[in-house]
């Protein structure tokens, strides 16, 4: 975009879409951010305009297959909001959702700040800042229809399609390691997706470290109390009206959601 008027116009459109839970059917080419950095800048503007209490952040693109599909060489991230956090078991009205995609993820909540600083954060620094880890399901939503998605930079402006966040049981022994934990998504009583913690960049702590360093490089940080969804272990599952899903994290934690008509 040659000037900032296009970015402001896109921010206005996406802010309105967020507030009214609606989609933008066709995005004019002159409103598509020219770079991913521009898209992230629009997302910051939208968060400021909304003024909603943050929940934290989502991370996506944590598998090689997804990154190849998106033509990116690193994960992506977006702001999430506390008003869209739910406790399992819960019921979500499918008619109010925007092309919902179910993703089984580890939800990491920080007990210490990881603020901006000059020096890099180590993996141990990030691990030490974690307070709790929960089994979680992101119900991703995009303000653009799945059948007519714009370039990635516009999706980044939309918070990387952040949606609803359903917290299941806490995983008490997460410090023993999450890589080997099996994750299974059941839909209407049938297993439909399988994965492990290893499917998230080898270990769910890895994308969290990546986010801390990425935000630090952009003059930002992470705060105590923020929850970060660390990327899907089971891919993206399009869920239909009336479906009931259960996400199993090993034999100790689960998330249950009914998608009412």
C-alpha atoms as a PDB file:
ATOM      1  CA  UNK A   1       0.000   0.000   0.000  1.00  0.00           C
ATOM      2  CA  UNK A   2       1.504   3.252  -1.103  1.00  0.00           C
ATOM      3  CA  UNK A   3       0.272   5.182   1.944  1.00  0.00           C
ATOM      4  CA  UNK A   4      -1.384   4.346   5.220  1.00  0.00           C
ATOM      5  CA  UNK A   5      -4.937   5.064   4.041  1.00  0.00           C
ATOM      6  CA  UNK A   6      -5.344   1.490   2.786  1.00  0.00           C
ATOM      7  CA  UNK A   7      -4.173   0.089   6.121  1.00  0.00           C
ATOM      8  CA  UNK A   8      -6.613   2.316   7.971  1.00  0.00           C
ATOM      9  CA  UNK A   9      -9.446   1.250   5.670  1.00  0.00           C
ATOM     10  CA  UNK A  10      -8.633  -2.426   6.190  1.00  0.00           C
ATOM     11  CA  UNK A  11      -8.451  -1.905   9.955  1.00  0.00           C
ATOM     12  CA  UNK A  12     -11.890  -0.266   9.843  1.00  0.00           C
ATOM     13  CA  UNK A  13     -13.379  -3.168   7.860  1.00  0.00           C
ATOM     14  CA  UNK A  14     -11.883  -5.851  10.093  1.00  0.00           C
ATOM     15  CA  UNK A  15     -12.756  -4.042  13.318  1.00  0.00           C
ATOM     16  CA  UNK A  16     -16.378  -3.839  12.182  1.00  0.00           C
ATOM     17  CA  UNK A  17     -16.321  -7.519  11.164  1.00  0.00           C
ATOM     18  CA  UNK A  18     -14.957  -8.485  14.587  1.00  0.00           C
ATOM     19  CA  UNK A  19     -17.579  -6.463  16.418  1.00  0.00           C
ATOM     20  CA  UNK A  20     -20.467  -7.876  14.371  1.00  0.00           C
ATOM     21  CA  UNK A  21     -19.127 -11.449  13.923  1.00  0.00           C
ATOM     22  CA  UNK A  22     -19.324 -11.086  10.156  1.00  0.00           C
ATOM     23  CA  UNK A  23     -17.158 -11.824   7.132  1.00  0.00           C
ATOM     24  CA  UNK A  24     -15.789  -9.740   4.288  1.00  0.00           C
ATOM     25  CA  UNK A  25     -16.774 -11.553   1.115  1.00  0.00           C
ATOM     26  CA  UNK A  26     -14.363  -9.837  -1.261  1.00  0.00           C
ATOM     27  CA  UNK A  27     -11.393  -7.753  -0.173  1.00  0.00           C
ATOM     28  CA  UNK A  28     -10.362  -5.080  -2.712  1.00  0.00           C
ATOM     29  CA  UNK A  29      -6.812  -5.617  -3.947  1.00  0.00           C
ATOM     30  CA  UNK A  30      -5.751  -2.147  -2.876  1.00  0.00           C
ATOM     31  CA  UNK A  31      -6.547  -3.035   0.750  1.00  0.00           C
ATOM     32  CA  UNK A  32      -4.334  -6.134   0.852  1.00  0.00           C
ATOM     33  CA  UNK A  33      -1.238  -5.311   2.951  1.00  0.00           C
ATOM     34  CA  UNK A  34       1.904  -5.367   0.826  1.00  0.00           C
ATOM     35  CA  UNK A  35       3.876  -7.397   3.350  1.00  0.00           C
ATOM     36  CA  UNK A  36       3.358  -9.613   6.358  1.00  0.00           C
ATOM     37  CA  UNK A  37       4.869  -6.862   8.511  1.00  0.00           C
ATOM     38  CA  UNK A  38       2.171  -4.484   7.262  1.00  0.00           C
ATOM     39  CA  UNK A  39      -0.463  -7.098   8.077  1.00  0.00           C
ATOM     40  CA  UNK A  40       0.809  -7.437  11.637  1.00  0.00           C
ATOM     41  CA  UNK A  41       0.766  -3.632  11.975  1.00  0.00           C
ATOM     42  CA  UNK A  42      -2.910  -3.566  10.970  1.00  0.00           C
ATOM     43  CA  UNK A  43      -3.644  -6.249  13.581  1.00  0.00           C
ATOM     44  CA  UNK A  44      -2.121  -4.034  16.288  1.00  0.00           C
ATOM     45  CA  UNK A  45      -4.317  -1.142  15.118  1.00  0.00           C
ATOM     46  CA  UNK A  46      -7.423  -3.352  15.263  1.00  0.00           C
ATOM     47  CA  UNK A  47      -6.636  -4.527  18.805  1.00  0.00           C
ATOM     48  CA  UNK A  48      -6.258  -0.898  19.877  1.00  0.00           C
ATOM     49  CA  UNK A  49      -9.563   0.044  18.250  1.00  0.00           C
ATOM     50  CA  UNK A  50     -11.456  -2.847  19.816  1.00  0.00           C
ATOM     51  CA  UNK A  51     -10.126  -2.208  23.292  1.00  0.00           C
ATOM     52  CA  UNK A  52     -11.070  -5.756  24.328  1.00  0.00           C
ATOM     53  CA  UNK A  53      -9.284  -7.438  27.223  1.00  0.00           C
ATOM     54  CA  UNK A  54      -6.561  -9.672  25.789  1.00  0.00           C
ATOM     55  CA  UNK A  55      -6.479 -13.364  26.503  1.00  0.00           C
ATOM     56  CA  UNK A  56      -3.033 -13.689  24.989  1.00  0.00           C
ATOM     57  CA  UNK A  57      -1.803 -14.976  21.644  1.00  0.00           C
ATOM     58  CA  UNK A  58      -2.285 -17.793  19.164  1.00  0.00           C
ATOM     59  CA  UNK A  59       0.484 -19.411  17.159  1.00  0.00           C
ATOM     60  CA  UNK A  60      -0.163 -21.162  13.847  1.00  0.00           C
ATOM     61  CA  UNK A  61       1.914 -22.613  11.035  1.00  0.00           C
ATOM     62  CA  UNK A  62       3.820 -24.798  13.474  1.00  0.00           C
ATOM     63  CA  UNK A  63       4.176 -27.749  11.072  1.00  0.00           C
ATOM     64  CA  UNK A  64       6.248 -27.941   7.911  1.00  0.00           C
ATOM     65  CA  UNK A  65       3.226 -29.007   5.872  1.00  0.00           C
ATOM     66  CA  UNK A  66       1.208 -25.958   6.892  1.00  0.00           C
ATOM     67  CA  UNK A  67       4.133 -23.607   6.325  1.00  0.00           C
ATOM     68  CA  UNK A  68       4.615 -25.021   2.841  1.00  0.00           C
ATOM     69  CA  UNK A  69       0.918 -24.544   2.116  1.00  0.00           C
ATOM     70  CA  UNK A  70       1.058 -20.941   3.308  1.00  0.00           C
ATOM     71  CA  UNK A  71       4.417 -20.367   1.590  1.00  0.00           C
ATOM     72  CA  UNK A  72       6.076 -19.143   4.769  1.00  0.00           C
ATOM     73  CA  UNK A  73       9.328 -20.124   6.450  1.00  0.00           C
ATOM     74  CA  UNK A  74       8.258 -19.501  10.042  1.00  0.00           C
ATOM     75  CA  UNK A  75       5.084 -19.719  12.146  1.00  0.00           C
ATOM     76  CA  UNK A  76       2.558 -16.881  12.382  1.00  0.00           C
ATOM     77  CA  UNK A  77       0.775 -15.352  15.369  1.00  0.00           C
ATOM     78  CA  UNK A  78      -2.263 -13.295  16.344  1.00  0.00           C
ATOM     79  CA  UNK A  79      -3.891 -11.579  19.302  1.00  0.00           C
ATOM     80  CA  UNK A  80      -6.651 -13.432  21.190  1.00  0.00           C
ATOM     81  CA  UNK A  81      -9.379 -12.029  23.441  1.00  0.00           C
ATOM     82  CA  UNK A  82     -10.673 -13.093  26.845  1.00  0.00           C
ATOM     83  CA  UNK A  83     -14.323 -12.620  25.869  1.00  0.00           C
ATOM     84  CA  UNK A  84     -13.916 -15.632  23.581  1.00  0.00           C
ATOM     85  CA  UNK A  85     -12.474 -17.941  26.269  1.00  0.00           C
ATOM     86  CA  UNK A  86     -14.662 -20.805  27.509  1.00  0.00           C
ATOM     87  CA  UNK A  87     -14.362 -23.606  30.042  1.00  0.00           C
ATOM     88  CA  UNK A  88     -14.966 -27.216  29.014  1.00  0.00           C
ATOM     89  CA  UNK A  89     -17.514 -28.692  28.749  1.00  0.00           C
ATOM     90  CA  UNK A  90     -19.296 -25.999  26.785  1.00  0.00           C
ATOM     91  CA  UNK A  91     -21.807 -25.430  24.017  1.00  0.00           C
ATOM     92  CA  UNK A  92     -21.065 -23.043  21.141  1.00  0.00           C
ATOM     93  CA  UNK A  93     -23.822 -21.927  18.754  1.00  0.00           C
ATOM     94  CA  UNK A  94     -22.554 -23.002  15.347  1.00  0.00           C
ATOM     95  CA  UNK A  95     -24.694 -20.361  13.626  1.00  0.00           C
ATOM     96  CA  UNK A  96     -22.670 -17.620  15.345  1.00  0.00           C
ATOM     97  CA  UNK A  97     -19.305 -18.974  14.205  1.00  0.00           C
ATOM     98  CA  UNK A  98     -17.399 -18.068  11.042  1.00  0.00           C
ATOM     99  CA  UNK A  99     -16.330 -21.191   9.117  1.00  0.00           C
ATOM    100  CA  UNK A 100     -15.110 -22.790  12.377  1.00  0.00           C
ATOM    101  CA  UNK A 101     -12.053 -25.041  12.388  1.00  0.00           C
ATOM    102  CA  UNK A 102     -11.269 -27.206  15.419  1.00  0.00           C
ATOM    103  CA  UNK A 103      -7.611 -27.415  16.458  1.00  0.00           C
ATOM    104  CA  UNK A 104      -6.313 -29.353  19.464  1.00  0.00           C
ATOM    105  CA  UNK A 105      -3.603 -27.337  21.194  1.00  0.00           C
ATOM    106  CA  UNK A 106      -1.687 -26.897  24.421  1.00  0.00           C
ATOM    107  CA  UNK A 107      -2.724 -23.688  26.207  1.00  0.00           C
ATOM    108  CA  UNK A 108       0.241 -22.261  28.112  1.00  0.00           C
ATOM    109  CA  UNK A 109      -0.446 -19.543  30.714  1.00  0.00           C
ATOM    110  CA  UNK A 110       2.472 -17.468  31.946  1.00  0.00           C
ATOM    111  CA  UNK A 111       3.208 -16.779  35.615  1.00  0.00           C
ATOM    112  CA  UNK A 112       5.996 -14.284  34.847  1.00  0.00           C
ATOM    113  CA  UNK A 113       6.453 -11.483  32.342  1.00  0.00           C
ATOM    114  CA  UNK A 114       8.740 -11.909  29.350  1.00  0.00           C
ATOM    115  CA  UNK A 115       8.987  -8.190  28.517  1.00  0.00           C
ATOM    116  CA  UNK A 116      10.957  -6.519  25.785  1.00  0.00           C
ATOM    117  CA  UNK A 117      14.691  -6.410  26.412  1.00  0.00           C
ATOM    118  CA  UNK A 118      17.904  -6.103  24.409  1.00  0.00           C
ATOM    119  CA  UNK A 119      19.155  -9.626  24.999  1.00  0.00           C
ATOM    120  CA  UNK A 120      17.494 -12.784  23.669  1.00  0.00           C
ATOM    121  CA  UNK A 121      15.329 -15.039  25.799  1.00  0.00           C
ATOM    122  CA  UNK A 122      16.660 -18.541  26.266  1.00  0.00           C
ATOM    123  CA  UNK A 123      14.475 -21.601  26.122  1.00  0.00           C
ATOM    124  CA  UNK A 124      15.022 -22.057  29.863  1.00  0.00           C
ATOM    125  CA  UNK A 125      13.909 -18.457  30.493  1.00  0.00           C
ATOM    126  CA  UNK A 126      10.675 -19.136  28.656  1.00  0.00           C
ATOM    127  CA  UNK A 127      10.086 -22.472  30.340  1.00  0.00           C
ATOM    128  CA  UNK A 128      10.625 -20.909  33.775  1.00  0.00           C
ATOM    129  CA  UNK A 129       8.000 -18.243  33.036  1.00  0.00           C
ATOM    130  CA  UNK A 130       5.212 -20.828  32.537  1.00  0.00           C
ATOM    131  CA  UNK A 131       2.599 -21.143  35.261  1.00  0.00           C
ATOM    132  CA  UNK A 132       0.156 -23.730  33.920  1.00  0.00           C
ATOM    133  CA  UNK A 133      -0.548 -25.815  30.837  1.00  0.00           C
ATOM    134  CA  UNK A 134      -4.071 -26.863  29.900  1.00  0.00           C
ATOM    135  CA  UNK A 135      -5.527 -29.134  27.278  1.00  0.00           C
ATOM    136  CA  UNK A 136      -7.191 -26.773  24.838  1.00  0.00           C
ATOM    137  CA  UNK A 137      -9.162 -26.431  21.645  1.00  0.00           C
ATOM    138  CA  UNK A 138      -8.982 -23.394  19.428  1.00  0.00           C
ATOM    139  CA  UNK A 139     -12.087 -22.917  17.329  1.00  0.00           C
ATOM    140  CA  UNK A 140     -10.416 -20.806  14.654  1.00  0.00           C
ATOM    141  CA  UNK A 141     -12.521 -18.271  12.772  1.00  0.00           C
ATOM    142  CA  UNK A 142     -11.616 -15.982   9.896  1.00  0.00           C
ATOM    143  CA  UNK A 143     -13.268 -12.715   8.914  1.00  0.00           C
ATOM    144  CA  UNK A 144     -12.781 -13.856   5.310  1.00  0.00           C
ATOM    145  CA  UNK A 145     -14.712 -16.880   3.938  1.00  0.00           C
ATOM    146  CA  UNK A 146     -12.694 -20.080   3.663  1.00  0.00           C
ATOM    147  CA  UNK A 147     -13.686 -20.316   0.008  1.00  0.00           C
ATOM    148  CA  UNK A 148     -12.366 -16.858  -0.841  1.00  0.00           C
ATOM    149  CA  UNK A 149      -9.309 -16.262   1.304  1.00  0.00           C
ATOM    150  CA  UNK A 150      -7.127 -13.237   0.502  1.00  0.00           C
ATOM    151  CA  UNK A 151      -3.309 -13.313   0.638  1.00  0.00           C
ATOM    152  CA  UNK A 152      -1.680 -14.230   3.942  1.00  0.00           C
ATOM    153  CA  UNK A 153      -0.858 -10.631   4.861  1.00  0.00           C
ATOM    154  CA  UNK A 154      -4.583  -9.860   5.108  1.00  0.00           C
ATOM    155  CA  UNK A 155      -5.166 -12.931   7.292  1.00  0.00           C
ATOM    156  CA  UNK A 156      -2.384 -11.737   9.604  1.00  0.00           C
ATOM    157  CA  UNK A 157      -4.233  -8.421   9.823  1.00  0.00           C
ATOM    158  CA  UNK A 158      -7.191 -10.498  11.050  1.00  0.00           C
ATOM    159  CA  UNK A 159      -5.158 -11.837  13.958  1.00  0.00           C
ATOM    160  CA  UNK A 160      -4.180 -14.995  12.051  1.00  0.00           C
ATOM    161  CA  UNK A 161      -7.859 -16.060  12.178  1.00  0.00           C
ATOM    162  CA  UNK A 162      -8.094 -16.106  15.962  1.00  0.00           C
ATOM    163  CA  UNK A 163     -11.429 -17.299  17.311  1.00  0.00           C
ATOM    164  CA  UNK A 164     -12.706 -19.113  20.416  1.00  0.00           C
ATOM    165  CA  UNK A 165     -10.539 -20.821  23.055  1.00  0.00           C
ATOM    166  CA  UNK A 166     -11.914 -23.684  25.132  1.00  0.00           C
ATOM    167  CA  UNK A 167      -9.891 -24.661  28.206  1.00  0.00           C
ATOM    168  CA  UNK A 168      -9.971 -28.274  29.309  1.00  0.00           C
ATOM    169  CA  UNK A 169      -8.230 -29.959  32.212  1.00  0.00           C
ATOM    170  CA  UNK A 170      -4.921 -28.692  33.515  1.00  0.00           C
ATOM    171  CA  UNK A 171      -1.959 -30.927  32.690  1.00  0.00           C
ATOM    172  CA  UNK A 172      -0.185 -31.101  36.063  1.00  0.00           C
ATOM    173  CA  UNK A 173       2.969 -32.937  35.028  1.00  0.00           C
ATOM    174  CA  UNK A 174       3.803 -30.869  31.941  1.00  0.00           C
ATOM    175  CA  UNK A 175       7.360 -30.283  33.179  1.00  0.00           C
ATOM    176  CA  UNK A 176       8.009 -33.982  32.601  1.00  0.00           C
ATOM    177  CA  UNK A 177       7.585 -33.272  28.874  1.00  0.00           C
ATOM    178  CA  UNK A 178       4.766 -32.854  26.392  1.00  0.00           C
ATOM    179  CA  UNK A 179       6.341 -34.183  23.208  1.00  0.00           C
ATOM    180  CA  UNK A 180       5.217 -37.770  23.749  1.00  0.00           C
ATOM    181  CA  UNK A 181       1.672 -36.931  24.825  1.00  0.00           C
ATOM    182  CA  UNK A 182      -0.875 -38.420  22.437  1.00  0.00           C
ATOM    183  CA  UNK A 183      -3.682 -36.129  21.278  1.00  0.00           C
ATOM    184  CA  UNK A 184      -6.859 -37.555  19.734  1.00  0.00           C
ATOM    185  CA  UNK A 185      -9.843 -35.646  18.367  1.00  0.00           C
ATOM    186  CA  UNK A 186     -13.142 -37.535  18.539  1.00  0.00           C
ATOM    187  CA  UNK A 187     -16.077 -36.198  16.520  1.00  0.00           C
ATOM    188  CA  UNK A 188     -19.502 -37.646  17.323  1.00  0.00           C
ATOM    189  CA  UNK A 189     -17.834 -40.523  19.124  1.00  0.00           C
ATOM    190  CA  UNK A 190     -15.405 -41.439  16.343  1.00  0.00           C
ATOM    191  CA  UNK A 191     -11.652 -40.675  16.321  1.00  0.00           C
ATOM    192  CA  UNK A 192     -10.985 -38.336  13.387  1.00  0.00           C
ATOM    193  CA  UNK A 193      -7.548 -36.847  14.035  1.00  0.00           C
ATOM    194  CA  UNK A 194      -4.440 -38.072  15.838  1.00  0.00           C
ATOM    195  CA  UNK A 195      -1.260 -36.287  16.866  1.00  0.00           C
ATOM    196  CA  UNK A 196       1.287 -35.781  19.620  1.00  0.00           C
ATOM    197  CA  UNK A 197       3.016 -32.879  21.285  1.00  0.00           C
ATOM    198  CA  UNK A 198       5.973 -33.628  19.020  1.00  0.00           C
ATOM    199  CA  UNK A 199       3.907 -32.474  16.039  1.00  0.00           C
ATOM    200  CA  UNK A 200       4.189 -28.902  17.351  1.00  0.00           C
ATOM    201  CA  UNK A 201       7.738 -28.071  16.244  1.00  0.00           C
ATOM    202  CA  UNK A 202       9.066 -31.041  18.192  1.00  0.00           C
ATOM    203  CA  UNK A 203       7.865 -29.691  21.544  1.00  0.00           C
ATOM    204  CA  UNK A 204       5.114 -27.153  22.414  1.00  0.00           C
ATOM    205  CA  UNK A 205       7.700 -25.070  24.310  1.00  0.00           C
ATOM    206  CA  UNK A 206       9.484 -24.398  20.998  1.00  0.00           C
ATOM    207  CA  UNK A 207       6.768 -22.229  19.419  1.00  0.00           C
ATOM    208  CA  UNK A 208       6.365 -20.371  22.730  1.00  0.00           C
ATOM    209  CA  UNK A 209      10.069 -19.552  22.679  1.00  0.00           C
ATOM    210  CA  UNK A 210       9.736 -18.529  19.031  1.00  0.00           C
ATOM    211  CA  UNK A 211       6.893 -16.141  19.901  1.00  0.00           C
ATOM    212  CA  UNK A 212       8.788 -14.564  22.802  1.00  0.00           C
ATOM    213  CA  UNK A 213      11.766 -13.905  20.538  1.00  0.00           C
ATOM    214  CA  UNK A 214       9.638 -12.726  17.598  1.00  0.00           C
ATOM    215  CA  UNK A 215       7.753 -10.215  19.743  1.00  0.00           C
ATOM    216  CA  UNK A 216      11.005  -9.085  21.360  1.00  0.00           C
ATOM    217  CA  UNK A 217      12.378  -8.373  17.903  1.00  0.00           C
ATOM    218  CA  UNK A 218       9.352  -6.151  17.280  1.00  0.00           C
ATOM    219  CA  UNK A 219       9.702  -4.199  20.510  1.00  0.00           C
ATOM    220  CA  UNK A 220       6.994  -6.171  22.326  1.00  0.00           C
ATOM    221  CA  UNK A 221       6.743  -8.769  25.083  1.00  0.00           C
ATOM    222  CA  UNK A 222       4.598 -11.334  26.836  1.00  0.00           C
ATOM    223  CA  UNK A 223       2.844 -10.692  30.135  1.00  0.00           C
ATOM    224  CA  UNK A 224       2.069 -12.770  33.191  1.00  0.00           C
ATOM    225  CA  UNK A 225      -1.479 -14.098  32.939  1.00  0.00           C
ATOM    226  CA  UNK A 226      -1.462 -14.286  29.155  1.00  0.00           C
ATOM    227  CA  UNK A 227      -2.364 -17.612  27.571  1.00  0.00           C
ATOM    228  CA  UNK A 228      -0.621 -18.734  24.399  1.00  0.00           C
ATOM    229  CA  UNK A 229      -2.109 -21.466  22.240  1.00  0.00           C
ATOM    230  CA  UNK A 230       0.965 -23.188  20.874  1.00  0.00           C
ATOM    231  CA  UNK A 231      -0.289 -24.604  17.562  1.00  0.00           C
ATOM    232  CA  UNK A 232      -2.411 -27.546  16.467  1.00  0.00           C
ATOM    233  CA  UNK A 233      -1.362 -31.130  17.131  1.00  0.00           C
ATOM    234  CA  UNK A 234      -4.185 -32.462  14.950  1.00  0.00           C
ATOM    235  CA  UNK A 235      -4.446 -30.070  12.011  1.00  0.00           C
ATOM    236  CA  UNK A 236      -7.574 -28.090  11.153  1.00  0.00           C
ATOM    237  CA  UNK A 237     -10.905 -29.924  11.292  1.00  0.00           C
ATOM    238  CA  UNK A 238     -13.975 -28.188   9.776  1.00  0.00           C
ATOM    239  CA  UNK A 239     -16.767 -28.793  12.252  1.00  0.00           C
ATOM    240  CA  UNK A 240     -20.452 -29.008  11.306  1.00  0.00           C
ATOM    241  CA  UNK A 241     -23.555 -27.820  13.105  1.00  0.00           C
ATOM    242  CA  UNK A 242     -24.756 -30.343  15.677  1.00  0.00           C
ATOM    243  CA  UNK A 243     -21.365 -32.021  16.088  1.00  0.00           C
ATOM    244  CA  UNK A 244     -19.986 -33.005  19.458  1.00  0.00           C
ATOM    245  CA  UNK A 245     -16.225 -33.170  19.863  1.00  0.00           C
ATOM    246  CA  UNK A 246     -13.942 -34.493  22.571  1.00  0.00           C
ATOM    247  CA  UNK A 247     -10.208 -33.809  22.476  1.00  0.00           C
ATOM    248  CA  UNK A 248      -8.157 -36.290  24.515  1.00  0.00           C
ATOM    249  CA  UNK A 249      -4.699 -35.292  25.749  1.00  0.00           C
ATOM    250  CA  UNK A 250      -3.124 -38.514  26.953  1.00  0.00           C
ATOM    251  CA  UNK A 251      -5.228 -40.211  29.611  1.00  0.00           C
ATOM    252  CA  UNK A 252      -5.323 -37.231  31.963  1.00  0.00           C
ATOM    253  CA  UNK A 253      -6.983 -34.307  30.200  1.00  0.00           C
ATOM    254  CA  UNK A 254      -9.797 -33.628  27.752  1.00  0.00           C
ATOM    255  CA  UNK A 255     -11.845 -30.860  26.166  1.00  0.00           C
ATOM    256  CA  UNK A 256     -15.558 -31.259  25.328  1.00  0.00           C
ATOM    257  CA  UNK A 257     -17.549 -28.993  23.001  1.00  0.00           C
ATOM    258  CA  UNK A 258     -21.052 -29.308  21.563  1.00  0.00           C
ATOM    259  CA  UNK A 259     -21.755 -27.215  18.463  1.00  0.00           C
ATOM    260  CA  UNK A 260     -25.431 -26.392  18.749  1.00  0.00           C
ATOM    261  CA  UNK A 261     -27.395 -25.444  15.597  1.00  0.00           C
END
